[in-house]
């Protein structure tokens, strides 16, 4: 048996033909995060993109294998799953005019800048966001793209190409804004679209790209931006279309008190009442942020089987509040983790987001209630369920072989005693290896086949050009 990991060339060949993958024993990890009752301390056997055996401590596989990778330096987790992001925002990180703004003024300050996005901008921004996520141990990401200025009609098509090129999984949402300033909404008119255009493109994208079943690489969901940027009719029509096409629904909800006030003034309803009134209160729906729910609303969300993407860093950056994670979960809501936009988080790092979720939730509930394992579960199994997936998010037999591997070689880990807790508490930043569907996508801390310095140069140039165009009024 070979004691070396598959080469990059072999990884590329396996990606092109998953059925040809050799069986791999990922042997004797330093620590591994598995569901209760699953002993994989001896490692995992992976064949044809799936986990086919979990090996108990001290045992050898019963399943035949072709290659061995010695994981004794690595903490192994399921691939992290990001439930909420805005990839395009990597172009507007740390922009001075909104550095210290809360949500509504932050949005108003940025909408005009974002209206200048081009297809090339979006391609570069998506590549940067996904690359940063991948390096942090993320294997599946949901993006909420709702900006379609003139010339960016095929924005989701651009994103599909990038996802496939990097070899990750993604839920790409066809977002929308239809309620402009002239009609009492928040976004400027040049950033909104007519409902019929939005719905027709939503149908086109589902027909063209949505994959179903285990191992899906690209899935499409429908995602009106928020109650303050779309009409009530569009919310209802989108829910009906999602039901017809059997896809998921996503939107921002209960992120700030300003949003609660807007719903009361515009619709005469609290946010969850509004959600129910437009046909969204169901198990297709996952909601970004979900901070300002009262007890009865949490109970209703749980009874409906809805999910919430908890975005701790963005919530802190914009001073929005702290989601009620344990109460949501106890009520039956699937709780996942999202990094949110890279202009309200200013990073796209999932393992750091796990750490922040742990700490901010401890502020609400105390240290004993939020363990590192629970925070990791939110970012893996909980996030996967929020996206409607049962084939990813845990390391057990039959699941897709999506995993992240972290070493404890950095100075920050010196003196750490519990390896699994250490990657959260000591602040892991970067995975050493990442596998998606049995194929190595990150090896030795680098993304296979991606020239990162060149990407940074092109992306930085695009960011400068976007700002220059905004400043000049183009």
Protein backbone atom coordinates (compact mmCIF):
# COMPACT_ATOMS: atom_id res chain seq x y z
CA UNK A 1 0.00 0.00 0.00
CA UNK A 2 1.22 3.49 -0.82
CA UNK A 3 1.85 5.76 2.18
CA UNK A 4 1.54 8.94 0.08
CA UNK A 5 -1.48 11.08 -0.62
CA UNK A 6 -2.82 11.10 -4.19
CA UNK A 7 -0.89 13.50 -6.41
CA UNK A 8 -2.48 16.67 -7.78
CA UNK A 9 -2.58 15.04 -11.22
CA UNK A 10 -4.38 12.07 -9.73
CA UNK A 11 -6.79 14.41 -7.98
CA UNK A 12 -7.56 16.09 -11.29
CA UNK A 13 -8.11 12.74 -12.98
CA UNK A 14 -10.39 11.64 -10.16
CA UNK A 15 -12.38 14.85 -10.51
CA UNK A 16 -12.89 14.18 -14.20
CA UNK A 17 -13.99 10.59 -13.54
CA UNK A 18 -15.13 10.05 -9.94
CA UNK A 19 -15.82 6.36 -10.52
CA UNK A 20 -12.10 5.84 -11.21
CA UNK A 21 -11.00 7.07 -7.78
CA UNK A 22 -8.83 4.62 -5.86
CA UNK A 23 -10.07 3.62 -2.43
CA UNK A 24 -8.28 5.67 0.24
CA UNK A 25 -7.75 4.96 3.91
CA UNK A 26 -7.46 8.27 5.77
CA UNK A 27 -5.57 6.70 8.64
CA UNK A 28 -5.44 7.44 12.38
CA UNK A 29 -6.34 11.15 12.59
CA UNK A 30 -5.14 13.14 15.58
CA UNK A 31 -8.85 13.84 16.25
CA UNK A 32 -12.03 13.55 14.22
CA UNK A 33 -15.48 15.09 14.60
CA UNK A 34 -18.17 12.45 14.08
CA UNK A 35 -21.76 12.01 15.21
CA UNK A 36 -22.42 10.49 18.62
CA UNK A 37 -21.92 6.75 18.52
CA UNK A 38 -19.66 6.76 15.43
CA UNK A 39 -16.08 5.71 16.21
CA UNK A 40 -13.74 6.83 13.43
CA UNK A 41 -10.62 7.31 15.50
CA UNK A 42 -8.88 4.83 13.20
CA UNK A 43 -9.91 6.88 10.20
CA UNK A 44 -12.16 6.72 7.17
CA UNK A 45 -12.19 4.64 4.02
CA UNK A 46 -13.27 6.67 0.99
CA UNK A 47 -14.26 5.20 -2.35
CA UNK A 48 -15.97 6.76 -5.38
CA UNK A 49 -16.51 10.02 -3.56
CA UNK A 50 -18.24 8.57 -0.49
CA UNK A 51 -17.32 7.35 2.97
CA UNK A 52 -17.65 3.57 2.86
CA UNK A 53 -16.22 2.68 6.27
CA UNK A 54 -15.44 4.31 9.61
CA UNK A 55 -12.51 2.61 11.29
CA UNK A 56 -12.52 2.31 15.06
CA UNK A 57 -9.51 3.12 17.20
CA UNK A 58 -6.69 0.63 16.76
CA UNK A 59 -8.46 -1.29 13.98
CA UNK A 60 -7.69 -1.73 10.30
CA UNK A 61 -10.31 -1.42 7.56
CA UNK A 62 -12.47 -4.36 6.61
CA UNK A 63 -12.95 -2.67 3.22
CA UNK A 64 -10.21 -3.13 0.59
CA UNK A 65 -8.24 0.05 -0.07
CA UNK A 66 -5.58 1.13 -2.55
CA UNK A 67 -3.89 4.08 -0.86
CA UNK A 68 -3.21 5.33 2.64
CA UNK A 69 -2.90 8.88 3.90
CA UNK A 70 -1.35 9.22 7.36
CA UNK A 71 -3.59 11.75 9.14
CA UNK A 72 -1.87 11.53 12.51
CA UNK A 73 -1.01 15.27 12.38
CA UNK A 74 -4.53 16.31 11.42
CA UNK A 75 -7.80 17.19 13.11
CA UNK A 76 -10.52 16.07 10.70
CA UNK A 77 -13.96 17.68 10.50
CA UNK A 78 -16.79 17.41 8.02
CA UNK A 79 -16.44 19.99 5.29
CA UNK A 80 -17.81 23.24 6.69
CA UNK A 81 -21.03 24.48 5.08
CA UNK A 82 -21.60 28.22 4.66
CA UNK A 83 -25.32 29.06 4.62
CA UNK A 84 -25.24 32.77 3.76
CA UNK A 85 -22.87 34.98 1.79
CA UNK A 86 -22.72 37.74 -0.82
CA UNK A 87 -19.69 36.85 -2.93
CA UNK A 88 -19.71 40.13 -4.88
CA UNK A 89 -19.00 42.07 -1.70
CA UNK A 90 -15.36 40.94 -1.61
CA UNK A 91 -14.79 43.95 -3.91
CA UNK A 92 -15.93 46.44 -1.25
CA UNK A 93 -14.31 45.33 1.98
CA UNK A 94 -13.43 47.95 4.59
CA UNK A 95 -14.75 50.87 2.49
CA UNK A 96 -14.15 54.00 4.53
CA UNK A 97 -17.59 55.70 4.24
CA UNK A 98 -19.40 52.72 5.82
CA UNK A 99 -16.76 51.30 8.16
CA UNK A 100 -18.76 52.36 11.22
CA UNK A 101 -22.31 52.29 9.83
CA UNK A 102 -25.25 50.13 10.89
CA UNK A 103 -27.33 48.13 8.39
CA UNK A 104 -29.65 50.67 6.71
CA UNK A 105 -27.08 53.48 6.27
CA UNK A 106 -24.48 50.83 5.36
CA UNK A 107 -26.75 49.57 2.56
CA UNK A 108 -27.64 53.05 1.33
CA UNK A 109 -23.96 53.93 1.20
CA UNK A 110 -23.04 50.86 -0.83
CA UNK A 111 -25.95 50.32 -3.22
CA UNK A 112 -24.68 52.95 -5.68
CA UNK A 113 -21.18 51.47 -5.66
CA UNK A 114 -22.48 47.94 -6.21
CA UNK A 115 -24.63 49.10 -9.14
CA UNK A 116 -21.42 49.33 -11.20
CA UNK A 117 -20.69 45.58 -11.05
CA UNK A 118 -19.70 43.91 -14.32
CA UNK A 119 -19.64 40.19 -15.20
CA UNK A 120 -15.85 40.18 -14.88
CA UNK A 121 -16.12 41.83 -11.45
CA UNK A 122 -18.54 39.13 -10.32
CA UNK A 123 -16.35 36.34 -11.66
CA UNK A 124 -13.33 37.63 -9.75
CA UNK A 125 -15.33 38.37 -6.59
CA UNK A 126 -16.89 34.90 -6.62
CA UNK A 127 -13.52 33.24 -7.15
CA UNK A 128 -11.98 35.16 -4.25
CA UNK A 129 -14.87 34.37 -1.91
CA UNK A 130 -14.92 30.66 -2.76
CA UNK A 131 -11.14 30.36 -2.59
CA UNK A 132 -11.07 32.01 0.83
CA UNK A 133 -13.86 29.73 2.03
CA UNK A 134 -12.15 26.63 0.66
CA UNK A 135 -8.89 27.47 2.41
CA UNK A 136 -10.84 27.80 5.68
CA UNK A 137 -12.22 24.25 5.39
CA UNK A 138 -15.50 25.08 3.65
CA UNK A 139 -16.69 22.63 0.98
CA UNK A 140 -20.24 23.89 0.31
CA UNK A 141 -21.37 27.51 0.17
CA UNK A 142 -24.66 29.32 -0.33
CA UNK A 143 -24.55 32.70 -2.04
CA UNK A 144 -27.31 35.30 -1.99
CA UNK A 145 -26.87 37.31 -5.18
CA UNK A 146 -29.61 39.89 -5.66
CA UNK A 147 -27.87 42.58 -7.75
CA UNK A 148 -28.54 42.53 -11.49
CA UNK A 149 -27.66 45.98 -12.86
CA UNK A 150 -27.58 46.52 -16.62
CA UNK A 151 -25.15 44.08 -18.21
CA UNK A 152 -25.21 41.57 -15.35
CA UNK A 153 -28.29 39.62 -16.41
CA UNK A 154 -26.30 36.35 -16.44
CA UNK A 155 -24.71 36.82 -13.02
CA UNK A 156 -25.71 33.40 -11.68
CA UNK A 157 -24.39 31.72 -14.84
CA UNK A 158 -21.03 33.36 -14.12
CA UNK A 159 -21.07 31.97 -10.60
CA UNK A 160 -21.92 28.45 -11.76
CA UNK A 161 -18.78 28.42 -13.91
CA UNK A 162 -16.59 29.48 -10.98
CA UNK A 163 -18.05 26.87 -8.62
CA UNK A 164 -17.39 24.10 -11.12
CA UNK A 165 -13.88 25.36 -11.83
CA UNK A 166 -12.94 25.26 -8.12
CA UNK A 167 -14.60 21.89 -7.52
CA UNK A 168 -16.75 22.98 -4.58
CA UNK A 169 -20.49 22.57 -3.99
CA UNK A 170 -22.81 25.56 -3.92
CA UNK A 171 -26.39 26.62 -3.47
CA UNK A 172 -26.60 29.68 -5.70
CA UNK A 173 -29.68 31.77 -5.07
CA UNK A 174 -31.43 33.87 -7.68
CA UNK A 175 -31.93 36.89 -5.52
CA UNK A 176 -33.99 39.91 -6.42
CA UNK A 177 -34.91 43.49 -5.59
CA UNK A 178 -38.14 44.97 -6.98
CA UNK A 179 -39.11 47.65 -4.43
CA UNK A 180 -37.08 50.78 -5.12
CA UNK A 181 -36.89 54.11 -3.34
CA UNK A 182 -39.70 55.56 -5.43
CA UNK A 183 -42.09 52.93 -4.03
CA UNK A 184 -40.98 53.12 -0.40
CA UNK A 185 -38.15 50.58 -0.56
CA UNK A 186 -34.51 51.00 0.36
CA UNK A 187 -32.54 50.33 -2.89
CA UNK A 188 -32.16 52.91 -5.67
CA UNK A 189 -34.28 52.37 -8.79
CA UNK A 190 -31.35 51.39 -11.02
CA UNK A 191 -30.76 48.30 -8.88
CA UNK A 192 -34.31 46.88 -9.06
CA UNK A 193 -35.97 44.66 -11.68
CA UNK A 194 -39.53 43.98 -12.76
CA UNK A 195 -41.19 40.93 -11.21
CA UNK A 196 -41.77 39.17 -14.53
CA UNK A 197 -38.06 39.44 -15.40
CA UNK A 198 -37.08 38.03 -12.00
CA UNK A 199 -39.50 35.11 -12.15
CA UNK A 200 -38.64 34.19 -15.73
CA UNK A 201 -34.92 34.15 -14.95
CA UNK A 202 -35.54 32.15 -11.77
CA UNK A 203 -37.29 29.46 -13.79
CA UNK A 204 -34.53 29.49 -16.43
CA UNK A 205 -31.78 29.01 -13.86
CA UNK A 206 -33.53 26.12 -12.09
CA UNK A 207 -34.13 24.40 -15.42
CA UNK A 208 -30.53 24.95 -16.54
CA UNK A 209 -28.48 24.23 -13.42
CA UNK A 210 -30.34 22.76 -10.45
CA UNK A 211 -29.02 19.30 -9.58
CA UNK A 212 -30.98 16.92 -7.38
CA UNK A 213 -30.01 13.98 -5.22
CA UNK A 214 -26.85 12.95 -3.41
CA UNK A 215 -23.62 14.51 -4.59
CA UNK A 216 -25.21 17.54 -6.24
CA UNK A 217 -22.60 20.15 -7.10
CA UNK A 218 -24.80 23.13 -8.04
CA UNK A 219 -28.25 23.80 -6.67
CA UNK A 220 -30.44 26.85 -7.26
CA UNK A 221 -32.71 28.51 -4.71
CA UNK A 222 -34.97 31.57 -4.98
CA UNK A 223 -34.11 34.51 -2.76
CA UNK A 224 -35.87 37.89 -2.76
CA UNK A 225 -33.47 40.12 -0.89
CA UNK A 226 -35.55 41.31 2.08
CA UNK A 227 -38.95 42.73 3.05
CA UNK A 228 -37.62 46.26 2.49
CA UNK A 229 -36.43 45.63 -1.08
CA UNK A 230 -39.13 43.48 -2.75
CA UNK A 231 -42.88 43.77 -3.17
CA UNK A 232 -45.39 41.61 -1.36
CA UNK A 233 -46.60 40.26 -4.69
CA UNK A 234 -43.10 39.14 -5.64
CA UNK A 235 -42.68 37.37 -2.30
CA UNK A 236 -45.92 35.43 -2.89
CA UNK A 237 -45.12 34.64 -6.52
CA UNK A 238 -41.63 33.47 -5.62
CA UNK A 239 -43.00 31.12 -2.96
CA UNK A 240 -45.45 29.67 -5.47
CA UNK A 241 -42.68 29.19 -8.05
CA UNK A 242 -40.42 27.50 -5.51
CA UNK A 243 -43.23 25.11 -4.65
CA UNK A 244 -43.82 24.35 -8.33
CA UNK A 245 -40.13 23.77 -9.07
CA UNK A 246 -39.38 22.09 -5.72
CA UNK A 247 -36.48 24.35 -4.72
CA UNK A 248 -35.64 26.20 -1.53
CA UNK A 249 -36.42 29.77 -0.45
CA UNK A 250 -34.07 32.26 1.18
CA UNK A 251 -34.24 35.85 2.40
CA UNK A 252 -32.96 38.20 5.10
CA UNK A 253 -35.32 38.45 8.06
CA UNK A 254 -35.31 39.98 11.53
CA UNK A 255 -31.74 41.20 11.18
CA UNK A 256 -32.28 44.59 12.81
CA UNK A 257 -34.85 46.57 14.75
CA UNK A 258 -35.01 48.93 11.74
CA UNK A 259 -36.29 46.04 9.67
CA UNK A 260 -38.94 45.22 12.29
CA UNK A 261 -40.04 48.84 12.26
CA UNK A 262 -40.17 48.86 8.45
CA UNK A 263 -42.42 45.78 8.38
CA UNK A 264 -44.78 47.31 10.92
CA UNK A 265 -45.00 50.60 9.02
CA UNK A 266 -45.14 49.12 5.49
CA UNK A 267 -47.24 46.00 6.06
CA UNK A 268 -48.75 46.42 9.52
CA UNK A 269 -47.11 43.12 10.55
CA UNK A 270 -44.16 41.81 12.48
CA UNK A 271 -41.58 39.94 10.40
CA UNK A 272 -42.82 36.37 11.00
CA UNK A 273 -46.44 37.41 10.50
CA UNK A 274 -45.36 38.94 7.19
CA UNK A 275 -43.48 35.74 6.30
CA UNK A 276 -46.61 33.68 6.89
CA UNK A 277 -48.81 36.13 4.97
CA UNK A 278 -46.76 35.63 1.79
CA UNK A 279 -46.58 31.82 2.02
CA UNK A 280 -43.02 31.50 3.25
CA UNK A 281 -43.52 29.92 6.67
CA UNK A 282 -42.48 26.36 5.82
CA UNK A 283 -39.63 23.88 5.61
CA UNK A 284 -38.34 25.18 2.26
CA UNK A 285 -37.28 28.40 3.91
CA UNK A 286 -33.97 29.32 5.48
CA UNK A 287 -33.54 32.83 6.85
CA UNK A 288 -30.42 34.95 7.14
CA UNK A 289 -29.72 36.36 10.62
CA UNK A 290 -33.03 35.74 12.46
CA UNK A 291 -32.06 37.85 15.45
CA UNK A 292 -35.18 39.71 16.58
CA UNK A 293 -37.78 36.97 17.04
CA UNK A 294 -39.93 36.74 20.14
CA UNK A 295 -40.77 33.46 21.88
CA UNK A 296 -43.95 32.80 19.94
CA UNK A 297 -42.25 33.51 16.63
CA UNK A 298 -39.44 31.08 17.43
CA UNK A 299 -42.04 28.42 18.23
CA UNK A 300 -43.84 29.05 14.94
CA UNK A 301 -40.61 28.86 12.94
CA UNK A 302 -39.71 25.59 14.62
CA UNK A 303 -43.16 24.09 14.05
CA UNK A 304 -42.88 25.03 10.36
CA UNK A 305 -39.46 23.40 9.99
CA UNK A 306 -37.73 26.63 8.92
CA UNK A 307 -33.99 27.21 9.26
CA UNK A 308 -31.81 30.14 10.32
CA UNK A 309 -28.34 31.11 9.11
CA UNK A 310 -26.56 32.58 12.13
CA UNK A 311 -23.98 35.18 10.99
CA UNK A 312 -22.14 36.25 14.15
CA UNK A 313 -19.33 38.39 12.73
CA UNK A 314 -21.60 40.43 10.47
CA UNK A 315 -24.09 40.84 13.28
CA UNK A 316 -21.33 42.21 15.50
CA UNK A 317 -19.80 44.39 12.74
CA UNK A 318 -23.16 46.10 12.06
CA UNK A 319 -24.26 46.04 15.73
CA UNK A 320 -27.41 44.14 14.74
CA UNK A 321 -27.76 41.88 17.80
CA UNK A 322 -27.29 38.24 18.84
CA UNK A 323 -29.41 35.43 17.43
CA UNK A 324 -31.16 33.20 19.98
CA UNK A 325 -29.35 30.06 18.86
CA UNK A 326 -30.28 27.57 21.57
CA UNK A 327 -33.92 28.63 21.74
CA UNK A 328 -34.19 28.38 17.95
CA UNK A 329 -32.62 24.93 17.93
CA UNK A 330 -34.67 23.69 20.88
CA UNK A 331 -37.85 24.79 19.06
CA UNK A 332 -36.94 22.67 16.04
CA UNK A 333 -35.30 25.29 13.84
CA UNK A 334 -32.23 24.09 11.92
CA UNK A 335 -29.42 26.45 12.93
CA UNK A 336 -26.55 26.87 10.50
CA UNK A 337 -23.60 29.25 10.23
CA UNK A 338 -22.98 31.88 7.54
CA UNK A 339 -20.12 34.32 7.04
CA UNK A 340 -22.50 36.83 5.37
CA UNK A 341 -21.20 39.41 2.94
CA UNK A 342 -17.55 40.22 2.74
CA UNK A 343 -18.40 43.90 3.18
CA UNK A 344 -20.13 43.34 6.52
CA UNK A 345 -17.81 40.63 7.76
CA UNK A 346 -14.84 41.71 5.64
CA UNK A 347 -13.71 38.07 5.55
CA UNK A 348 -14.93 34.74 4.18
CA UNK A 349 -13.46 32.35 6.72
CA UNK A 350 -15.74 29.61 8.02
CA UNK A 351 -13.54 28.14 10.74
CA UNK A 352 -13.16 31.64 12.22
CA UNK A 353 -16.94 32.03 12.02
CA UNK A 354 -17.33 28.85 14.08
CA UNK A 355 -15.14 30.35 16.79
CA UNK A 356 -17.11 33.58 16.78
CA UNK A 357 -20.41 31.71 16.95
CA UNK A 358 -19.14 29.82 19.98
CA UNK A 359 -18.14 32.99 21.79
CA UNK A 360 -21.10 35.21 20.99
CA UNK A 361 -23.57 32.46 21.90
CA UNK A 362 -21.75 31.93 25.19
CA UNK A 363 -22.39 35.58 25.98
CA UNK A 364 -26.10 34.80 25.78
CA UNK A 365 -26.26 31.30 27.27
CA UNK A 366 -23.09 30.71 29.30
CA UNK A 367 -20.00 28.63 28.65
CA UNK A 368 -21.38 25.19 29.48
CA UNK A 369 -24.24 25.41 26.98
CA UNK A 370 -22.11 26.05 23.89
CA UNK A 371 -19.31 23.53 23.42
CA UNK A 372 -16.82 23.56 20.52
CA UNK A 373 -18.54 20.42 19.24
CA UNK A 374 -21.94 22.15 19.21
CA UNK A 375 -20.56 25.10 17.27
CA UNK A 376 -18.96 22.72 14.77
CA UNK A 377 -22.29 20.90 14.44
CA UNK A 378 -23.98 24.18 13.52
CA UNK A 379 -21.39 24.78 10.80
CA UNK A 380 -21.66 21.25 9.40
CA UNK A 381 -24.78 19.18 10.02
CA UNK A 382 -26.97 22.17 10.94
CA UNK A 383 -25.84 24.15 7.92
CA UNK A 384 -26.33 21.19 5.61
CA UNK A 385 -29.90 20.69 6.83
CA UNK A 386 -30.58 24.41 6.39
CA UNK A 387 -29.71 23.95 2.72
CA UNK A 388 -31.94 20.89 2.51
CA UNK A 389 -29.07 18.42 2.19
CA UNK A 390 -28.75 15.07 3.91
CA UNK A 391 -25.70 13.80 2.00
CA UNK A 392 -23.15 16.18 3.54
CA UNK A 393 -22.38 17.63 6.95
CA UNK A 394 -21.33 14.53 8.89
CA UNK A 395 -18.57 11.94 8.67
CA UNK A 396 -20.31 8.57 8.57
CA UNK A 397 -20.87 5.73 6.14
CA UNK A 398 -22.81 6.68 3.02
CA UNK A 399 -22.08 10.40 3.21
CA UNK A 400 -20.19 12.36 0.59
CA UNK A 401 -16.45 12.46 1.29
CA UNK A 402 -16.36 16.20 2.02
CA UNK A 403 -13.92 16.96 4.82
CA UNK A 404 -11.43 19.47 6.18
CA UNK A 405 -8.12 18.69 7.87
CA UNK A 406 -6.33 21.09 10.20
CA UNK A 407 -2.86 20.78 11.71
CA UNK A 408 -1.81 22.12 15.10
CA UNK A 409 1.68 23.17 14.02
CA UNK A 410 1.27 26.95 14.43
CA UNK A 411 2.47 28.82 17.48
CA UNK A 412 -1.13 29.56 18.46
CA UNK A 413 -1.66 25.85 19.24
CA UNK A 414 1.44 25.30 21.36
CA UNK A 415 0.34 23.90 24.70
CA UNK A 416 -3.13 22.84 23.50
CA UNK A 417 -4.35 19.55 24.98
CA UNK A 418 -7.68 18.83 23.28
CA UNK A 419 -7.01 18.84 19.51
CA UNK A 420 -10.64 19.16 18.42
CA UNK A 421 -11.38 21.98 20.84
CA UNK A 422 -8.10 23.64 19.89
CA UNK A 423 -9.05 24.34 16.27
CA UNK A 424 -11.97 26.40 17.58
CA UNK A 425 -10.65 27.86 20.84
CA UNK A 426 -7.11 28.60 19.64
CA UNK A 427 -8.36 30.11 16.41
CA UNK A 428 -7.49 27.93 13.42
CA UNK A 429 -7.47 30.07 10.29
CA UNK A 430 -6.51 27.77 7.45
CA UNK A 431 -7.02 24.13 6.58
CA UNK A 432 -4.01 22.07 5.53
CA UNK A 433 -6.10 19.76 3.34
CA UNK A 434 -9.66 19.87 2.03
CA UNK A 435 -11.49 17.13 0.15
CA UNK A 436 -14.73 17.45 -1.83
CA UNK A 437 -16.38 14.29 -3.08
CA UNK A 438 -13.23 12.26 -2.54
CA UNK A 439 -10.99 14.67 -4.48
CA UNK A 440 -8.31 16.80 -2.85
CA UNK A 441 -9.06 20.47 -3.49
CA UNK A 442 -6.55 21.86 -0.98
CA UNK A 443 -3.17 20.23 -0.35
CA UNK A 444 -0.47 21.58 1.95
CA UNK A 445 -2.53 24.72 2.53
CA UNK A 446 -2.82 25.61 -1.18
CA UNK A 447 -5.74 25.31 -3.60
CA UNK A 448 -4.97 22.82 -6.34
CA UNK A 449 -4.63 24.55 -9.71
CA UNK A 450 -5.32 28.14 -8.57
CA UNK A 451 -2.76 30.95 -8.91
CA UNK A 452 -3.72 32.94 -5.81
CA UNK A 453 -1.24 35.85 -6.24
CA UNK A 454 -2.53 36.41 -9.78
CA UNK A 455 -6.12 36.25 -8.54
CA UNK A 456 -5.39 38.84 -5.84
CA UNK A 457 -3.81 41.16 -8.40
CA UNK A 458 -6.76 40.97 -10.80
CA UNK A 459 -9.35 41.21 -8.02
CA UNK A 460 -7.65 44.21 -6.41
CA UNK A 461 -7.51 45.95 -9.79
CA UNK A 462 -11.24 45.32 -10.29
CA UNK A 463 -12.01 46.69 -6.81
CA UNK A 464 -10.10 49.89 -7.56
CA UNK A 465 -11.84 50.28 -10.92
CA UNK A 466 -15.27 49.78 -9.34
CA UNK A 467 -14.58 52.54 -6.83
CA UNK A 468 -13.12 54.83 -9.50
CA UNK A 469 -16.21 54.38 -11.67
CA UNK A 470 -18.47 55.20 -8.72
CA UNK A 471 -16.46 58.26 -7.76
CA UNK A 472 -16.51 59.59 -11.33
CA UNK A 473 -20.27 59.05 -11.56
CA UNK A 474 -20.12 56.55 -14.40
